[in-house]
């Protein structure tokens, strides 16, 4: 097998064989470069999917804000039947329609990548959570609200079911966009807020607003109701508010350790956190007051505080999402720069290697060709030219050897020509003086034979170029 492969190269010139040697060494370099670039491309794709997930979540967040608002207003409108509330319900419905249109556009652009298709949803047992299906639920709910055929209980259940669908879609987006697997601590903790704690906070405040508003509206809170309100306050403080603040502070601390400091993150997050804290704390205080001593705060005042805190949570989400995009773009730009540098450095190295290989090949091929031409000329009996290879390597010794052989051959040929000429002259002289001598006649015949052989040698010698 090895011999067969070796024979395959017999028909190639030295230059071709040297080129194949270079190619054989270049192949593993090309494979390593490919693997490195593939790894970088994977990291870029990973961050790009996270970015797409953030784009997809924006209309979902908007729906997460509007649907509970629609539920709260619809329940009041169905109960109080005032034109102002009915008008507000219609305004929220129009805003929800707009958000579903935005969601459909995001799904058209990124739905396949984020596996919001039948295959991706089926694998996770979430076939119900297609955009078209959830939008269809909303259309049916909107029609029922317009027809006035819903009770307050049915309206609340349908709104909360729709809201739960939106939360599940956010979870699915987090899984398929790799946001939940973010590898860098700064973006990981920002993601923890945008994907986990803030949506939970937004939904919890909506439930608190709705339930406590009805409690206050009915008045005379029971002990169990006050305990429930205290539980809401504790959950909102520890599981939501504190978690979000801790995530944000950790992201600020870890930011310099990944792709450098983000000036935008460091400058925008602290004031956004303060605004969120300033608008959430009054709600926490109100809940604690209600739990300890019912009275002193009316249902409408509480609803305003809850809505203000909830709007602050959505505003903070917007800030976090924008900063997450900045961090992801910085990461992708860094990976692209690394990829560009790898390609550039590899190209420079390859060009340098090729130039070195070309010079070495020329250094081998030129003297080898000179030696080959010299040997061919010797085969053609041309010993007139000497090889001028002044080197200390094998080619220098080879050229010197060819020159020595040529010098020896020239010397032998010169001697043969000289001897043949001398023989010719002696034979002619002997022939001239030996005529008429019987004994000499035999000798002369021998001399004539020698003369003929000398002439042949003379002709043979004249064929050489000396």
Protein backbone atom coordinates (compact mmCIF):
# COMPACT_ATOMS: atom_id res chain seq x y z
CA UNK A 1 0.00 0.00 0.00
CA UNK A 2 2.70 2.44 1.03
CA UNK A 3 4.81 1.45 -1.98
CA UNK A 4 1.84 2.01 -4.30
CA UNK A 5 1.25 5.46 -2.86
CA UNK A 6 4.96 6.21 -3.14
CA UNK A 7 4.97 5.15 -6.80
CA UNK A 8 2.11 7.54 -7.42
CA UNK A 9 4.45 10.47 -6.85
CA UNK A 10 7.12 9.22 -9.26
CA UNK A 11 5.71 11.21 -12.15
CA UNK A 12 5.78 14.53 -10.30
CA UNK A 13 8.55 17.05 -10.54
CA UNK A 14 10.43 18.19 -7.46
CA UNK A 15 8.39 21.42 -7.41
CA UNK A 16 5.17 19.42 -7.41
CA UNK A 17 6.36 17.18 -4.60
CA UNK A 18 7.43 20.17 -2.52
CA UNK A 19 3.99 21.72 -3.14
CA UNK A 20 2.35 18.54 -1.90
CA UNK A 21 4.49 18.60 1.23
CA UNK A 22 3.33 22.18 1.91
CA UNK A 23 -0.29 21.17 1.29
CA UNK A 24 0.01 18.20 3.65
CA UNK A 25 1.20 20.50 6.43
CA UNK A 26 -1.40 23.15 5.55
CA UNK A 27 -4.29 20.67 5.85
CA UNK A 28 -4.22 20.24 9.66
CA UNK A 29 -3.78 24.01 10.02
CA UNK A 30 -6.88 24.51 7.86
CA UNK A 31 -8.81 21.97 9.95
CA UNK A 32 -7.80 23.68 13.21
CA UNK A 33 -8.73 27.07 11.78
CA UNK A 34 -12.10 25.70 10.71
CA UNK A 35 -12.76 24.30 14.18
CA UNK A 36 -11.78 27.58 15.84
CA UNK A 37 -13.96 29.63 13.50
CA UNK A 38 -16.82 27.16 13.98
CA UNK A 39 -16.50 27.60 17.74
CA UNK A 40 -16.55 31.39 17.42
CA UNK A 41 -19.52 31.22 15.02
CA UNK A 42 -21.36 29.08 17.57
CA UNK A 43 -20.75 31.72 20.26
CA UNK A 44 -21.98 34.44 17.92
CA UNK A 45 -25.05 32.37 17.06
CA UNK A 46 -25.65 31.74 20.76
CA UNK A 47 -25.62 35.48 21.52
CA UNK A 48 -27.68 36.24 18.39
CA UNK A 49 -30.38 33.83 19.56
CA UNK A 50 -30.40 35.55 22.94
CA UNK A 51 -30.80 38.89 21.19
CA UNK A 52 -33.66 37.50 19.10
CA UNK A 53 -35.26 36.22 22.29
CA UNK A 54 -35.17 39.74 23.73
CA UNK A 55 -36.82 41.11 20.60
CA UNK A 56 -39.49 38.41 20.78
CA UNK A 57 -40.15 39.07 24.47
CA UNK A 58 -40.92 42.75 23.98
CA UNK A 59 -44.45 42.30 22.58
CA UNK A 60 -45.02 39.50 25.09
CA UNK A 61 -44.12 41.90 27.90
CA UNK A 62 -46.45 44.47 26.46
CA UNK A 63 -49.24 41.89 26.48
CA UNK A 64 -48.27 40.91 30.02
CA UNK A 65 -48.88 44.53 30.95
CA UNK A 66 -52.08 45.11 28.97
CA UNK A 67 -54.02 41.88 29.55
CA UNK A 68 -54.21 42.25 33.39
CA UNK A 69 -55.13 45.90 32.86
CA UNK A 70 -57.91 44.77 30.54
CA UNK A 71 -59.03 42.22 33.13
CA UNK A 72 -59.09 44.78 35.95
CA UNK A 73 -60.98 47.33 33.90
CA UNK A 74 -63.34 44.76 32.38
CA UNK A 75 -64.31 43.36 35.79
CA UNK A 76 -65.11 46.87 36.99
CA UNK A 77 -66.90 47.78 33.78
CA UNK A 78 -69.04 44.63 33.93
CA UNK A 79 -69.87 45.40 37.55
CA UNK A 80 -70.33 49.18 37.39
CA UNK A 81 -71.33 49.54 33.71
CA UNK A 82 -70.02 53.11 33.40
CA UNK A 83 -69.22 54.58 29.94
CA UNK A 84 -65.78 55.73 31.10
CA UNK A 85 -64.73 52.23 32.12
CA UNK A 86 -66.16 50.73 28.94
CA UNK A 87 -64.17 53.27 26.94
CA UNK A 88 -61.00 52.32 28.81
CA UNK A 89 -61.68 48.64 28.10
CA UNK A 90 -61.91 49.41 24.38
CA UNK A 91 -58.65 51.39 24.52
CA UNK A 92 -56.89 48.45 26.18
CA UNK A 93 -58.36 46.10 23.57
CA UNK A 94 -56.96 48.25 20.76
CA UNK A 95 -53.55 48.30 22.45
CA UNK A 96 -53.66 44.50 22.85
CA UNK A 97 -54.51 44.14 19.15
CA UNK A 98 -51.46 46.27 18.32
CA UNK A 99 -49.25 44.16 20.59
CA UNK A 100 -50.49 40.94 18.99
CA UNK A 101 -49.65 42.42 15.58
CA UNK A 102 -46.14 43.18 16.87
CA UNK A 103 -45.91 39.64 18.25
CA UNK A 104 -46.92 38.19 14.88
CA UNK A 105 -44.18 40.23 13.19
CA UNK A 106 -41.60 39.01 15.73
CA UNK A 107 -42.84 35.46 15.22
CA UNK A 108 -42.55 35.83 11.45
CA UNK A 109 -38.92 36.96 11.80
CA UNK A 110 -37.69 34.77 14.64
CA UNK A 111 -40.38 32.18 15.38
CA UNK A 112 -38.63 29.38 13.50
CA UNK A 113 -35.28 30.06 15.18
CA UNK A 114 -36.95 30.19 18.60
CA UNK A 115 -38.90 26.99 17.87
CA UNK A 116 -42.36 28.54 18.00
CA UNK A 117 -43.28 26.07 15.26
CA UNK A 118 -45.18 22.80 15.52
CA UNK A 119 -42.05 20.69 15.93
CA UNK A 120 -40.45 22.86 18.61
CA UNK A 121 -43.68 23.30 20.57
CA UNK A 122 -44.58 19.62 20.26
CA UNK A 123 -41.22 18.51 21.70
CA UNK A 124 -41.95 20.57 24.82
CA UNK A 125 -45.65 19.68 24.97
CA UNK A 126 -46.62 23.30 24.30
CA UNK A 127 -48.60 23.02 21.06
CA UNK A 128 -51.29 25.23 22.57
CA UNK A 129 -48.91 28.19 22.72
CA UNK A 130 -48.77 29.09 19.06
CA UNK A 131 -49.16 32.79 18.40
CA UNK A 132 -52.22 32.14 16.26
CA UNK A 133 -53.85 30.04 19.00
CA UNK A 134 -53.27 32.58 21.76
CA UNK A 135 -54.40 35.42 19.52
CA UNK A 136 -57.54 33.41 18.72
CA UNK A 137 -58.25 33.19 22.46
CA UNK A 138 -57.97 36.94 22.71
CA UNK A 139 -60.25 37.49 19.73
CA UNK A 140 -62.91 35.31 21.33
CA UNK A 141 -62.53 37.11 24.65
CA UNK A 142 -62.71 40.51 22.99
CA UNK A 143 -65.86 39.51 21.12
CA UNK A 144 -67.47 38.25 24.32
CA UNK A 145 -66.63 41.50 26.08
CA UNK A 146 -68.09 43.51 23.22
CA UNK A 147 -71.27 41.41 23.22
CA UNK A 148 -71.65 41.79 26.98
CA UNK A 149 -72.18 38.07 27.42
CA UNK A 150 -69.54 37.52 30.10
CA UNK A 151 -69.85 37.52 33.84
CA UNK A 152 -67.13 39.10 35.96
CA UNK A 153 -65.92 35.65 36.99
CA UNK A 154 -65.76 34.38 33.40
CA UNK A 155 -63.95 37.54 32.28
CA UNK A 156 -61.39 37.19 35.05
CA UNK A 157 -60.80 33.50 34.29
CA UNK A 158 -60.36 34.06 30.57
CA UNK A 159 -58.05 37.04 31.11
CA UNK A 160 -55.90 35.17 33.61
CA UNK A 161 -55.78 32.10 31.37
CA UNK A 162 -54.61 34.32 28.51
CA UNK A 163 -52.06 35.94 30.81
CA UNK A 164 -50.82 32.49 31.85
CA UNK A 165 -50.37 31.61 28.16
CA UNK A 166 -48.20 34.70 27.71
CA UNK A 167 -46.05 33.71 30.69
CA UNK A 168 -45.59 30.22 29.22
CA UNK A 169 -44.60 31.74 25.87
CA UNK A 170 -41.99 33.81 27.69
CA UNK A 171 -40.69 30.63 29.34
CA UNK A 172 -40.54 28.86 25.98
CA UNK A 173 -38.70 31.80 24.46
CA UNK A 174 -36.21 31.77 27.34
CA UNK A 175 -35.52 28.06 26.80
CA UNK A 176 -35.13 28.13 23.02
CA UNK A 177 -33.23 31.42 22.80
CA UNK A 178 -30.55 30.14 25.25
CA UNK A 179 -31.21 33.16 27.47
CA UNK A 180 -31.68 30.78 30.37
CA UNK A 181 -28.19 29.38 29.63
CA UNK A 182 -26.38 32.69 29.30
CA UNK A 183 -22.64 32.05 29.97
CA UNK A 184 -21.56 35.51 31.21
CA UNK A 185 -22.46 36.63 34.71
CA UNK A 186 -23.37 40.21 33.82
CA UNK A 187 -25.87 39.22 31.11
CA UNK A 188 -26.92 36.17 33.14
CA UNK A 189 -28.11 38.31 36.04
CA UNK A 190 -29.76 40.84 33.73
CA UNK A 191 -31.50 37.87 32.07
CA UNK A 192 -32.57 36.58 35.48
CA UNK A 193 -34.40 39.85 36.01
CA UNK A 194 -35.93 40.19 32.54
CA UNK A 195 -36.91 36.55 32.15
CA UNK A 196 -37.71 35.49 35.72
CA UNK A 197 -38.07 37.99 38.53
CA UNK A 198 -39.64 40.97 36.73
CA UNK A 199 -42.33 39.02 34.80
CA UNK A 200 -43.17 37.29 38.09
CA UNK A 201 -43.30 40.69 39.82
CA UNK A 202 -45.49 42.18 37.11
CA UNK A 203 -47.95 39.30 37.29
CA UNK A 204 -47.95 39.22 41.08
CA UNK A 205 -48.69 42.93 41.41
CA UNK A 206 -51.56 42.54 38.93
CA UNK A 207 -53.04 39.75 41.08
CA UNK A 208 -52.46 41.78 44.25
CA UNK A 209 -54.10 44.86 42.72
CA UNK A 210 -57.14 42.90 41.64
CA UNK A 211 -57.66 40.88 44.81
CA UNK A 212 -56.83 43.53 47.42
CA UNK A 213 -58.90 46.12 45.53
CA UNK A 214 -61.93 43.83 45.81
CA UNK A 215 -61.14 43.24 49.52
CA UNK A 216 -60.99 46.95 50.19
CA UNK A 217 -64.08 47.55 48.11
CA UNK A 218 -66.06 45.11 50.24
CA UNK A 219 -64.45 46.35 53.47
CA UNK A 220 -64.18 44.65 56.88
CA UNK A 221 -61.17 42.46 56.07
CA UNK A 222 -61.08 39.20 57.98
CA UNK A 223 -58.07 37.87 59.82
CA UNK A 224 -57.40 35.40 56.98
CA UNK A 225 -57.57 38.20 54.44
CA UNK A 226 -55.10 40.31 56.42
CA UNK A 227 -52.75 37.31 56.64
CA UNK A 228 -53.08 36.88 52.90
CA UNK A 229 -52.23 40.55 52.35
CA UNK A 230 -49.19 40.21 54.65
CA UNK A 231 -48.11 37.15 52.66
CA UNK A 232 -48.43 39.14 49.44
CA UNK A 233 -46.27 41.89 50.93
CA UNK A 234 -43.60 39.39 52.04
CA UNK A 235 -43.52 37.63 48.67
CA UNK A 236 -43.39 40.90 46.78
CA UNK A 237 -40.54 42.10 49.00
CA UNK A 238 -38.36 39.00 49.16
CA UNK A 239 -39.11 36.94 46.05
CA UNK A 240 -39.60 39.84 43.66
CA UNK A 241 -38.24 43.21 44.74
CA UNK A 242 -35.12 42.03 46.60
CA UNK A 243 -34.34 39.40 43.96
CA UNK A 244 -34.47 41.97 41.15
CA UNK A 245 -32.30 44.45 43.06
CA UNK A 246 -29.77 41.73 43.89
CA UNK A 247 -29.66 40.59 40.25
CA UNK A 248 -29.05 44.14 39.09
CA UNK A 249 -26.32 44.84 41.64
CA UNK A 250 -24.54 41.58 40.82
CA UNK A 251 -24.66 42.41 37.13
CA UNK A 252 -23.07 45.80 37.83
CA UNK A 253 -20.28 44.18 39.86
CA UNK A 254 -19.60 41.40 37.33
CA UNK A 255 -19.80 43.62 34.25
CA UNK A 256 -16.06 44.53 34.12
CA UNK A 257 -15.12 40.84 34.10
CA UNK A 258 -16.73 40.14 30.72
CA UNK A 259 -15.76 42.04 27.57
CA UNK A 260 -14.99 45.22 29.49
CA UNK A 261 -17.11 47.77 31.31
CA UNK A 262 -20.39 48.76 29.70
CA UNK A 263 -20.72 52.50 30.29
CA UNK A 264 -24.38 52.29 29.36
CA UNK A 265 -25.09 49.57 31.93
CA UNK A 266 -23.21 51.32 34.70
CA UNK A 267 -24.93 54.66 34.06
CA UNK A 268 -28.51 53.55 33.34
CA UNK A 269 -29.20 50.73 35.77
CA UNK A 270 -28.70 52.57 39.12
CA UNK A 271 -31.20 55.38 38.41
CA UNK A 272 -33.67 52.86 36.97
CA UNK A 273 -33.36 50.78 40.15
CA UNK A 274 -33.94 53.85 42.30
CA UNK A 275 -37.06 54.75 40.35
CA UNK A 276 -38.32 51.20 40.70
CA UNK A 277 -37.61 51.19 44.42
CA UNK A 278 -39.23 54.60 44.99
CA UNK A 279 -42.45 53.47 43.30
CA UNK A 280 -42.57 49.95 44.75
CA UNK A 281 -41.96 50.87 48.37
CA UNK A 282 -45.29 52.78 48.73
CA UNK A 283 -47.12 49.63 47.59
CA UNK A 284 -45.23 47.52 50.14
CA UNK A 285 -46.04 50.06 52.85
CA UNK A 286 -49.71 50.06 51.85
CA UNK A 287 -49.88 46.26 51.96
CA UNK A 288 -48.28 46.21 55.42
CA UNK A 289 -50.68 48.87 56.67
CA UNK A 290 -53.66 46.92 55.35
CA UNK A 291 -52.36 43.72 56.94
CA UNK A 292 -51.79 45.35 60.32
CA UNK A 293 -54.70 47.77 60.52
CA UNK A 294 -57.40 47.69 57.86
CA UNK A 295 -58.71 51.08 56.96
CA UNK A 296 -56.97 54.31 56.24
CA UNK A 297 -56.44 53.51 52.61
CA UNK A 298 -59.18 53.26 50.02
CA UNK A 299 -59.55 50.81 47.16
CA UNK A 300 -58.91 53.42 44.48
CA UNK A 301 -55.83 54.79 46.24
CA UNK A 302 -54.47 51.28 46.56
CA UNK A 303 -55.15 50.54 42.90
CA UNK A 304 -53.19 53.65 41.95
CA UNK A 305 -50.22 52.60 44.11
CA UNK A 306 -50.30 49.08 42.68
CA UNK A 307 -50.55 50.33 39.09
CA UNK A 308 -47.70 52.78 39.68
CA UNK A 309 -45.47 50.03 41.12
CA UNK A 310 -46.40 47.71 38.27
CA UNK A 311 -45.64 50.36 35.66
CA UNK A 312 -42.28 50.90 37.37
CA UNK A 313 -41.56 47.16 37.04
CA UNK A 314 -42.27 47.35 33.30
CA UNK A 315 -40.12 50.49 32.97
CA UNK A 316 -37.29 48.70 34.75
CA UNK A 317 -37.77 45.72 32.41
CA UNK A 318 -37.41 48.05 29.42
CA UNK A 319 -34.15 49.42 30.85
CA UNK A 320 -32.79 45.96 31.62
CA UNK A 321 -33.77 44.63 28.19
CA UNK A 322 -32.06 47.55 26.45
CA UNK A 323 -28.88 47.01 28.49
CA UNK A 324 -29.01 43.30 27.81
CA UNK A 325 -29.06 44.09 24.08
CA UNK A 326 -26.05 46.36 24.55
CA UNK A 327 -24.11 43.63 26.36
CA UNK A 328 -25.03 41.02 23.76
CA UNK A 329 -23.97 43.31 20.92
CA UNK A 330 -20.67 43.98 22.70
CA UNK A 331 -20.17 40.23 23.05
CA UNK A 332 -20.99 39.54 19.41
CA UNK A 333 -18.74 42.37 18.23
CA UNK A 334 -15.92 40.95 20.36
CA UNK A 335 -16.38 37.48 18.88
CA UNK A 336 -16.53 38.92 15.36
CA UNK A 337 -13.31 40.85 16.01
CA UNK A 338 -11.67 37.67 17.32
CA UNK A 339 -12.81 35.77 14.24
CA UNK A 340 -11.52 38.53 11.97
CA UNK A 341 -8.17 38.54 13.79
CA UNK A 342 -7.86 34.76 13.55
CA UNK A 343 -8.48 34.89 9.82
CA UNK A 344 -6.11 37.83 9.33
CA UNK A 345 -3.30 36.30 11.41
CA UNK A 346 -3.75 32.96 9.68
CA UNK A 347 -3.62 34.64 6.27
CA UNK A 348 -0.44 36.51 7.23
CA UNK A 349 1.11 33.30 8.57
CA UNK A 350 0.14 31.39 5.44
CA UNK A 351 1.55 34.07 3.14
CA UNK A 352 4.75 34.20 5.17
CA UNK A 353 5.02 30.41 5.12
CA UNK A 354 4.36 30.29 1.40
CA UNK A 355 7.05 32.89 0.73
CA UNK A 356 9.54 30.92 2.86
CA UNK A 357 8.48 27.69 1.13
CA UNK A 358 8.88 29.35 -2.28
CA UNK A 359 12.39 30.56 -1.45
CA UNK A 360 13.38 27.16 -0.09
CA UNK A 361 11.91 25.42 -3.13
CA UNK A 362 13.75 27.75 -5.48
CA UNK A 363 16.92 27.19 -3.46
CA UNK A 364 16.50 23.45 -4.04
CA UNK A 365 15.14 23.38 -7.58
CA UNK A 366 17.56 25.83 -9.28
CA UNK A 367 20.83 24.01 -8.41
CA UNK A 368 19.13 20.67 -8.97
CA UNK A 369 18.11 21.77 -12.45
CA UNK A 370 21.65 23.03 -13.09
CA UNK A 371 23.02 19.63 -12.08
CA UNK A 372 20.44 17.86 -14.25
CA UNK A 373 21.35 20.02 -17.28
CA UNK A 374 25.06 19.45 -16.62
CA UNK A 375 24.59 15.68 -16.49
CA UNK A 376 22.53 15.79 -19.67
CA UNK A 377 25.21 17.80 -21.43
CA UNK A 378 27.83 15.25 -20.28
CA UNK A 379 25.62 12.52 -21.69
CA UNK A 380 25.70 14.50 -24.94
CA UNK A 381 29.58 14.52 -24.67
CA UNK A 382 29.70 18.23 -23.89
CA UNK A 383 32.32 18.81 -21.20
CA UNK A 384 33.04 22.41 -22.11
CA UNK A 385 31.04 24.13 -19.32
CA UNK A 386 31.69 23.98 -15.64
CA UNK A 387 28.96 24.18 -12.99
CA UNK A 388 29.12 27.38 -10.94
CA UNK A 389 27.48 26.28 -7.66
CA UNK A 390 29.42 27.89 -4.84
CA UNK A 391 27.62 26.40 -1.84
CA UNK A 392 28.47 24.37 1.24
CA UNK A 393 25.46 22.09 1.11
CA UNK A 394 24.78 18.86 -0.80
CA UNK A 395 24.24 20.71 -4.07
CA UNK A 396 27.63 22.39 -3.74
CA UNK A 397 29.25 18.99 -3.23
CA UNK A 398 27.24 17.53 -6.10
CA UNK A 399 28.31 20.35 -8.45
CA UNK A 400 31.91 19.99 -7.36
CA UNK A 401 31.75 16.24 -8.00
CA UNK A 402 30.32 16.75 -11.50
CA UNK A 403 33.07 19.28 -12.23
CA UNK A 404 35.76 16.84 -11.01
CA UNK A 405 34.36 14.02 -13.14
CA UNK A 406 34.23 16.37 -16.13
CA UNK A 407 37.81 17.49 -15.54
CA UNK A 408 38.94 13.85 -15.32
CA UNK A 409 37.11 12.93 -18.50
CA UNK A 410 38.58 15.94 -20.32
CA UNK A 411 42.05 14.94 -19.15
CA UNK A 412 41.58 11.37 -20.37
CA UNK A 413 40.22 12.53 -23.71
CA UNK A 414 43.12 14.94 -24.12
CA UNK A 415 45.56 12.10 -23.37
CA UNK A 416 43.83 9.81 -25.85
CA UNK A 417 43.93 12.48 -28.53
CA UNK A 418 47.56 13.21 -27.79
CA UNK A 419 48.52 9.54 -27.87
CA UNK A 420 46.51 8.85 -31.01
CA UNK A 421 48.18 11.80 -32.71
CA UNK A 422 51.61 10.58 -31.63
CA UNK A 423 50.84 7.08 -32.87
CA UNK A 424 49.65 8.46 -36.15
CA UNK A 425 52.80 10.50 -36.67
CA UNK A 426 55.04 7.56 -35.68
CA UNK A 427 53.21 5.18 -37.97
CA UNK A 428 53.46 7.57 -40.90
CA UNK A 429 57.17 8.11 -40.29
CA UNK A 430 57.87 4.39 -39.97
CA UNK A 431 55.83 3.67 -43.04
CA UNK A 432 57.80 6.20 -45.07
CA UNK A 433 61.22 4.83 -44.06
CA UNK A 434 60.30 1.17 -44.11
CA UNK A 435 59.22 0.82 -47.77
CA UNK A 436 61.07 -2.02 -49.75
CA UNK A 437 62.20 -3.80 -46.61
CA UNK A 438 60.57 -7.33 -46.53
CA UNK A 439 60.90 -7.60 -42.82
CA UNK A 440 59.68 -4.08 -42.41
CA UNK A 441 56.71 -4.70 -44.71
CA UNK A 442 54.96 -6.86 -42.08
CA UNK A 443 55.66 -4.29 -39.46
CA UNK A 444 54.28 -1.60 -41.74
CA UNK A 445 51.06 -3.57 -42.11
CA UNK A 446 50.75 -3.62 -38.34
CA UNK A 447 51.50 0.05 -38.20
CA UNK A 448 48.82 0.72 -40.78
CA UNK A 449 46.36 -1.14 -38.59
CA UNK A 450 47.43 0.96 -35.62
CA UNK A 451 47.12 4.01 -37.82
CA UNK A 452 43.53 3.14 -38.64
CA UNK A 453 42.73 2.58 -34.95
CA UNK A 454 44.40 5.88 -34.08
CA UNK A 455 42.31 7.62 -36.72
CA UNK A 456 39.17 6.12 -35.20
CA UNK A 457 40.26 7.37 -31.78
CA UNK A 458 40.89 10.74 -33.27
CA UNK A 459 37.40 10.87 -34.71
CA UNK A 460 35.93 9.66 -31.44
CA UNK A 461 37.79 12.34 -29.50
CA UNK A 462 36.62 15.04 -31.88
CA UNK A 463 33.02 14.22 -30.95
CA UNK A 464 33.63 15.51 -27.43
CA UNK A 465 33.26 19.20 -26.62
CA UNK A 466 36.10 20.05 -24.36
